[in-house]
């Protein structure tokens, strides 16, 4: 479970750096964006050592996409569109389903 928490943490930092790429204007904001990129990829690489990389990447990107869309609506005044929210919910349902059907590399090896 600890590795899935790393994926979630990586997704949080992904949201931060994606927003930083769009909204950073000062040197310190760019430095924060670069740090968020580093942390995001560091924890994802760490989690990928113990979980299937394809699933990790799909969950990471799905959570990051959902978080970015919601952050833009909540913090930056992006228009709230029901269709957009329904599609984010559908994306999250797919991510949760993918996570539920995927075990760790160790458990997959022991089943084989």
N, C-alpha and C. Protein backbone atom coordinates (compact mmCIF):
# COMPACT_ATOMS: atom_id res chain seq x y z
N UNK A 1 0.83 -1.21 0.00
CA UNK A 1 0.00 0.00 0.00
C UNK A 1 0.86 1.25 0.00
N UNK A 2 2.01 1.20 0.64
CA UNK A 2 2.90 2.35 0.69
C UNK A 2 3.26 2.85 -0.71
N UNK A 3 3.43 1.93 -1.66
CA UNK A 3 3.78 2.33 -3.02
C UNK A 3 2.63 3.05 -3.72
N UNK A 4 1.39 2.65 -3.41
CA UNK A 4 0.25 3.37 -3.99
C UNK A 4 0.13 4.77 -3.40
N UNK A 5 0.52 4.94 -2.14
CA UNK A 5 0.56 6.28 -1.56
C UNK A 5 1.59 7.15 -2.27
N UNK A 6 2.70 6.55 -2.67
CA UNK A 6 3.70 7.28 -3.45
C UNK A 6 3.12 7.75 -4.78
N UNK A 7 2.33 6.90 -5.40
CA UNK A 7 1.69 7.29 -6.67
C UNK A 7 0.76 8.48 -6.44
N UNK A 8 -0.02 8.42 -5.36
CA UNK A 8 -0.91 9.54 -5.02
C UNK A 8 -0.13 10.81 -4.74
N UNK A 9 0.96 10.69 -3.99
CA UNK A 9 1.81 11.85 -3.71
C UNK A 9 2.41 12.40 -4.99
N UNK A 10 2.85 11.51 -5.86
CA UNK A 10 3.39 11.95 -7.15
C UNK A 10 2.35 12.71 -7.96
N UNK A 11 1.10 12.26 -7.91
CA UNK A 11 0.02 12.94 -8.63
C UNK A 11 -0.24 14.33 -8.06
N UNK A 12 -0.15 14.47 -6.74
CA UNK A 12 -0.33 15.79 -6.12
C UNK A 12 0.74 16.75 -6.63
N UNK A 13 1.98 16.28 -6.66
CA UNK A 13 3.05 17.13 -7.16
C UNK A 13 2.94 17.36 -8.67
N UNK A 14 2.35 16.40 -9.38
CA UNK A 14 2.11 16.61 -10.81
C UNK A 14 1.15 17.78 -11.02
N UNK A 15 0.10 17.81 -10.24
CA UNK A 15 -0.86 18.93 -10.33
C UNK A 15 -0.13 20.25 -10.09
N UNK A 16 0.75 20.25 -9.09
CA UNK A 16 1.48 21.48 -8.76
C UNK A 16 2.37 21.93 -9.92
N UNK A 17 3.10 20.99 -10.54
CA UNK A 17 3.99 21.43 -11.60
C UNK A 17 3.25 21.77 -12.89
N UNK A 18 2.15 21.09 -13.16
CA UNK A 18 1.37 21.44 -14.35
C UNK A 18 0.80 22.85 -14.21
N UNK A 19 0.26 23.16 -13.03
CA UNK A 19 -0.24 24.51 -12.77
C UNK A 19 0.92 25.51 -12.83
N UNK A 20 2.07 25.12 -12.28
CA UNK A 20 3.24 25.99 -12.33
C UNK A 20 3.67 26.30 -13.75
N UNK A 21 3.60 25.32 -14.66
CA UNK A 21 3.97 25.58 -16.04
C UNK A 21 3.09 26.65 -16.68
N UNK A 22 1.84 26.69 -16.27
CA UNK A 22 0.92 27.67 -16.84
C UNK A 22 0.99 29.03 -16.14
N UNK A 23 1.13 29.02 -14.82
CA UNK A 23 0.95 30.25 -14.06
C UNK A 23 2.23 30.85 -13.48
N UNK A 24 3.36 30.16 -13.54
CA UNK A 24 4.59 30.69 -12.94
C UNK A 24 5.07 31.93 -13.70
N UNK A 25 5.37 32.99 -12.94
CA UNK A 25 5.87 34.22 -13.53
C UNK A 25 7.19 34.68 -12.94
N UNK A 26 7.46 34.29 -11.71
CA UNK A 26 8.67 34.75 -11.05
C UNK A 26 9.69 33.61 -10.98
N UNK A 27 10.91 33.98 -10.67
CA UNK A 27 11.97 32.99 -10.53
C UNK A 27 11.62 31.96 -9.47
N UNK A 28 11.10 32.41 -8.33
CA UNK A 28 10.76 31.48 -7.25
C UNK A 28 9.63 30.55 -7.64
N UNK A 29 8.66 31.03 -8.39
CA UNK A 29 7.58 30.16 -8.86
C UNK A 29 8.12 29.10 -9.82
N UNK A 30 9.07 29.47 -10.66
CA UNK A 30 9.68 28.51 -11.57
C UNK A 30 10.53 27.50 -10.81
N UNK A 31 11.22 27.96 -9.78
CA UNK A 31 12.00 27.05 -8.95
C UNK A 31 11.07 26.05 -8.26
N UNK A 32 9.94 26.53 -7.74
CA UNK A 32 8.95 25.64 -7.13
C UNK A 32 8.40 24.63 -8.12
N UNK A 33 8.18 25.07 -9.35
CA UNK A 33 7.70 24.17 -10.40
C UNK A 33 8.72 23.08 -10.70
N UNK A 34 9.98 23.46 -10.79
CA UNK A 34 11.04 22.48 -11.07
C UNK A 34 11.18 21.49 -9.91
N UNK A 35 11.07 21.98 -8.69
CA UNK A 35 11.13 21.09 -7.52
C UNK A 35 9.95 20.11 -7.54
N UNK A 36 8.75 20.60 -7.90
CA UNK A 36 7.57 19.74 -7.97
C UNK A 36 7.75 18.67 -9.06
N UNK A 37 8.37 19.03 -10.19
CA UNK A 37 8.64 18.05 -11.24
C UNK A 37 9.57 16.97 -10.70
N UNK A 38 10.63 17.39 -10.04
CA UNK A 38 11.60 16.43 -9.50
C UNK A 38 10.94 15.47 -8.50
N UNK A 39 10.21 16.02 -7.54
CA UNK A 39 9.57 15.18 -6.51
C UNK A 39 8.56 14.23 -7.15
N UNK A 40 7.77 14.76 -8.07
CA UNK A 40 6.75 13.96 -8.74
C UNK A 40 7.37 12.74 -9.42
N UNK A 41 8.38 12.97 -10.22
CA UNK A 41 8.99 11.85 -10.94
C UNK A 41 9.81 10.95 -10.02
N UNK A 42 10.40 11.50 -9.01
CA UNK A 42 11.17 10.68 -8.07
C UNK A 42 10.28 9.66 -7.37
N UNK A 43 9.13 10.08 -6.86
CA UNK A 43 8.26 9.13 -6.15
C UNK A 43 7.60 8.16 -7.11
N UNK A 44 7.32 8.58 -8.34
CA UNK A 44 6.74 7.66 -9.33
C UNK A 44 7.75 6.59 -9.72
N UNK A 45 9.00 6.98 -9.92
CA UNK A 45 10.04 6.00 -10.25
C UNK A 45 10.22 5.04 -9.09
N UNK A 46 10.19 5.56 -7.88
CA UNK A 46 10.32 4.71 -6.69
C UNK A 46 9.17 3.69 -6.61
N UNK A 47 7.95 4.14 -6.85
CA UNK A 47 6.79 3.24 -6.81
C UNK A 47 6.84 2.22 -7.93
N UNK A 48 7.38 2.62 -9.08
CA UNK A 48 7.44 1.72 -10.24
C UNK A 48 8.41 0.56 -10.04
N UNK A 49 9.28 0.68 -9.07
CA UNK A 49 10.19 -0.43 -8.77
C UNK A 49 9.44 -1.61 -8.14
N UNK A 50 8.27 -1.35 -7.58
CA UNK A 50 7.53 -2.38 -6.85
C UNK A 50 6.14 -2.67 -7.44
N UNK A 51 5.69 -1.83 -8.34
CA UNK A 51 4.37 -1.99 -8.96
C UNK A 51 4.53 -2.01 -10.47
N UNK A 52 3.56 -2.56 -11.20
CA UNK A 52 3.65 -2.56 -12.66
C UNK A 52 3.68 -1.13 -13.22
N UNK A 53 4.68 -0.86 -14.03
CA UNK A 53 4.91 0.50 -14.48
C UNK A 53 3.75 1.06 -15.30
N UNK A 54 3.12 0.23 -16.11
CA UNK A 54 1.98 0.71 -16.91
C UNK A 54 0.82 1.17 -16.05
N UNK A 55 0.53 0.41 -15.02
CA UNK A 55 -0.55 0.77 -14.11
C UNK A 55 -0.19 2.01 -13.31
N UNK A 56 1.04 2.06 -12.83
CA UNK A 56 1.50 3.23 -12.07
C UNK A 56 1.36 4.49 -12.92
N UNK A 57 1.80 4.42 -14.15
CA UNK A 57 1.74 5.60 -15.02
C UNK A 57 0.29 6.00 -15.30
N UNK A 58 -0.57 5.03 -15.56
CA UNK A 58 -1.98 5.35 -15.84
C UNK A 58 -2.65 5.99 -14.63
N UNK A 59 -2.40 5.45 -13.45
CA UNK A 59 -2.99 6.01 -12.23
C UNK A 59 -2.43 7.41 -11.97
N UNK A 60 -1.13 7.55 -12.11
CA UNK A 60 -0.45 8.83 -11.92
C UNK A 60 -1.04 9.91 -12.84
N UNK A 61 -1.13 9.60 -14.11
CA UNK A 61 -1.65 10.59 -15.08
C UNK A 61 -3.14 10.84 -14.86
N UNK A 62 -3.90 9.79 -14.57
CA UNK A 62 -5.34 9.97 -14.34
C UNK A 62 -5.63 10.85 -13.14
N UNK A 63 -4.94 10.57 -12.03
CA UNK A 63 -5.13 11.40 -10.84
C UNK A 63 -4.63 12.83 -11.07
N UNK A 64 -3.51 12.94 -11.76
CA UNK A 64 -2.98 14.27 -12.07
C UNK A 64 -3.91 15.07 -12.96
N UNK A 65 -4.49 14.42 -13.94
CA UNK A 65 -5.44 15.09 -14.83
C UNK A 65 -6.67 15.55 -14.06
N UNK A 66 -7.23 14.66 -13.26
CA UNK A 66 -8.41 15.02 -12.47
C UNK A 66 -8.08 16.17 -11.52
N UNK A 67 -6.95 16.08 -10.84
CA UNK A 67 -6.55 17.14 -9.91
C UNK A 67 -6.32 18.46 -10.59
N UNK A 68 -5.74 18.43 -11.78
CA UNK A 68 -5.49 19.67 -12.52
C UNK A 68 -6.80 20.30 -12.96
N UNK A 69 -7.71 19.51 -13.49
CA UNK A 69 -9.01 20.04 -13.92
C UNK A 69 -9.75 20.66 -12.74
N UNK A 70 -9.80 19.94 -11.62
CA UNK A 70 -10.51 20.47 -10.44
C UNK A 70 -9.81 21.71 -9.87
N UNK A 71 -8.49 21.73 -9.87
CA UNK A 71 -7.76 22.90 -9.37
C UNK A 71 -8.01 24.12 -10.23
N UNK A 72 -8.06 23.92 -11.53
CA UNK A 72 -8.34 25.04 -12.43
C UNK A 72 -9.74 25.61 -12.16
N UNK A 73 -10.70 24.75 -11.88
CA UNK A 73 -12.06 25.22 -11.60
C UNK A 73 -12.11 25.92 -10.25
N UNK A 74 -11.50 25.31 -9.21
CA UNK A 74 -11.59 25.83 -7.85
C UNK A 74 -10.75 27.09 -7.65
N UNK A 75 -9.51 27.06 -8.14
CA UNK A 75 -8.57 28.14 -7.82
C UNK A 75 -8.38 29.19 -8.91
N UNK A 76 -8.70 28.86 -10.15
CA UNK A 76 -8.36 29.77 -11.24
C UNK A 76 -9.55 30.20 -12.09
N UNK A 77 -10.76 29.91 -11.64
CA UNK A 77 -11.94 30.44 -12.29
C UNK A 77 -12.30 29.80 -13.62
N UNK A 78 -11.80 28.62 -13.89
CA UNK A 78 -12.18 27.89 -15.10
C UNK A 78 -13.68 27.60 -15.02
N UNK A 79 -14.35 27.64 -16.14
CA UNK A 79 -15.79 27.42 -16.16
C UNK A 79 -16.14 26.00 -15.70
N UNK A 80 -17.14 25.91 -14.83
CA UNK A 80 -17.64 24.61 -14.37
C UNK A 80 -18.58 24.06 -15.42
N UNK A 81 -18.24 22.91 -15.96
CA UNK A 81 -19.09 22.28 -16.96
C UNK A 81 -19.40 20.87 -16.48
N UNK A 82 -20.68 20.56 -16.43
CA UNK A 82 -21.12 19.25 -15.93
C UNK A 82 -20.49 18.12 -16.73
N UNK A 83 -20.44 18.27 -18.04
CA UNK A 83 -19.85 17.24 -18.88
C UNK A 83 -18.39 16.98 -18.52
N UNK A 84 -17.66 18.04 -18.25
CA UNK A 84 -16.25 17.90 -17.88
C UNK A 84 -16.10 17.14 -16.57
N UNK A 85 -16.94 17.47 -15.60
CA UNK A 85 -16.88 16.79 -14.30
C UNK A 85 -17.27 15.32 -14.45
N UNK A 86 -18.29 15.03 -15.24
CA UNK A 86 -18.69 13.64 -15.46
C UNK A 86 -17.56 12.84 -16.12
N UNK A 87 -16.86 13.45 -17.05
CA UNK A 87 -15.74 12.76 -17.69
C UNK A 87 -14.58 12.54 -16.71
N UNK A 88 -14.34 13.49 -15.82
CA UNK A 88 -13.31 13.31 -14.79
C UNK A 88 -13.71 12.17 -13.86
N UNK A 89 -14.98 12.10 -13.49
CA UNK A 89 -15.46 11.00 -12.64
C UNK A 89 -15.29 9.67 -13.37
N UNK A 90 -15.59 9.63 -14.65
CA UNK A 90 -15.40 8.41 -15.45
C UNK A 90 -13.91 8.03 -15.49
N UNK A 91 -13.05 9.02 -15.67
CA UNK A 91 -11.61 8.78 -15.66
C UNK A 91 -11.16 8.20 -14.33
N UNK A 92 -11.63 8.78 -13.24
CA UNK A 92 -11.27 8.28 -11.91
C UNK A 92 -11.80 6.88 -11.66
N UNK A 93 -12.99 6.58 -12.17
CA UNK A 93 -13.53 5.22 -12.04
C UNK A 93 -12.62 4.23 -12.76
N UNK A 94 -12.13 4.59 -13.93
CA UNK A 94 -11.20 3.74 -14.65
C UNK A 94 -9.89 3.56 -13.91
N UNK A 95 -9.39 4.63 -13.32
CA UNK A 95 -8.14 4.56 -12.56
C UNK A 95 -8.31 3.67 -11.34
N UNK A 96 -9.40 3.83 -10.61
CA UNK A 96 -9.65 2.99 -9.43
C UNK A 96 -9.80 1.53 -9.85
N UNK A 97 -10.53 1.29 -10.92
CA UNK A 97 -10.69 -0.08 -11.41
C UNK A 97 -9.36 -0.70 -11.81
N UNK A 98 -8.53 0.06 -12.49
CA UNK A 98 -7.21 -0.44 -12.89
C UNK A 98 -6.37 -0.77 -11.68
N UNK A 99 -6.42 0.09 -10.67
CA UNK A 99 -5.65 -0.15 -9.45
C UNK A 99 -6.16 -1.40 -8.74
N UNK A 100 -7.47 -1.61 -8.72
CA UNK A 100 -8.05 -2.76 -8.02
C UNK A 100 -7.69 -4.10 -8.67
N UNK A 101 -7.52 -4.11 -9.98
CA UNK A 101 -7.21 -5.38 -10.65
C UNK A 101 -5.71 -5.61 -10.80
N UNK A 102 -4.89 -4.70 -10.27
CA UNK A 102 -3.44 -4.82 -10.40
C UNK A 102 -2.81 -5.08 -9.05
N UNK A 103 -2.01 -6.11 -8.99
CA UNK A 103 -1.28 -6.41 -7.76
C UNK A 103 0.13 -5.87 -7.85
N UNK A 104 0.93 -6.16 -6.86
CA UNK A 104 2.33 -5.78 -6.89
C UNK A 104 3.10 -6.78 -7.75
N UNK A 105 4.32 -6.45 -8.12
CA UNK A 105 5.15 -7.35 -8.91
C UNK A 105 5.41 -8.64 -8.15
N UNK A 106 5.60 -8.56 -6.83
CA UNK A 106 5.87 -9.75 -6.03
C UNK A 106 4.68 -10.71 -6.07
N UNK A 107 3.46 -10.18 -5.90
CA UNK A 107 2.29 -11.06 -5.87
C UNK A 107 2.03 -11.64 -7.25
N UNK A 108 2.34 -10.91 -8.32
CA UNK A 108 2.16 -11.44 -9.67
C UNK A 108 3.15 -12.57 -9.94
N UNK A 109 4.38 -12.42 -9.44
CA UNK A 109 5.40 -13.45 -9.63
C UNK A 109 5.02 -14.73 -8.88
N UNK A 110 4.47 -14.56 -7.67
CA UNK A 110 4.14 -15.74 -6.88
C UNK A 110 2.93 -16.48 -7.44
N UNK A 111 2.06 -15.76 -8.19
CA UNK A 111 0.89 -16.41 -8.80
C UNK A 111 1.29 -17.19 -10.04
N UNK A 112 2.38 -16.79 -10.69
CA UNK A 112 2.79 -17.44 -11.95
C UNK A 112 3.40 -18.79 -11.75
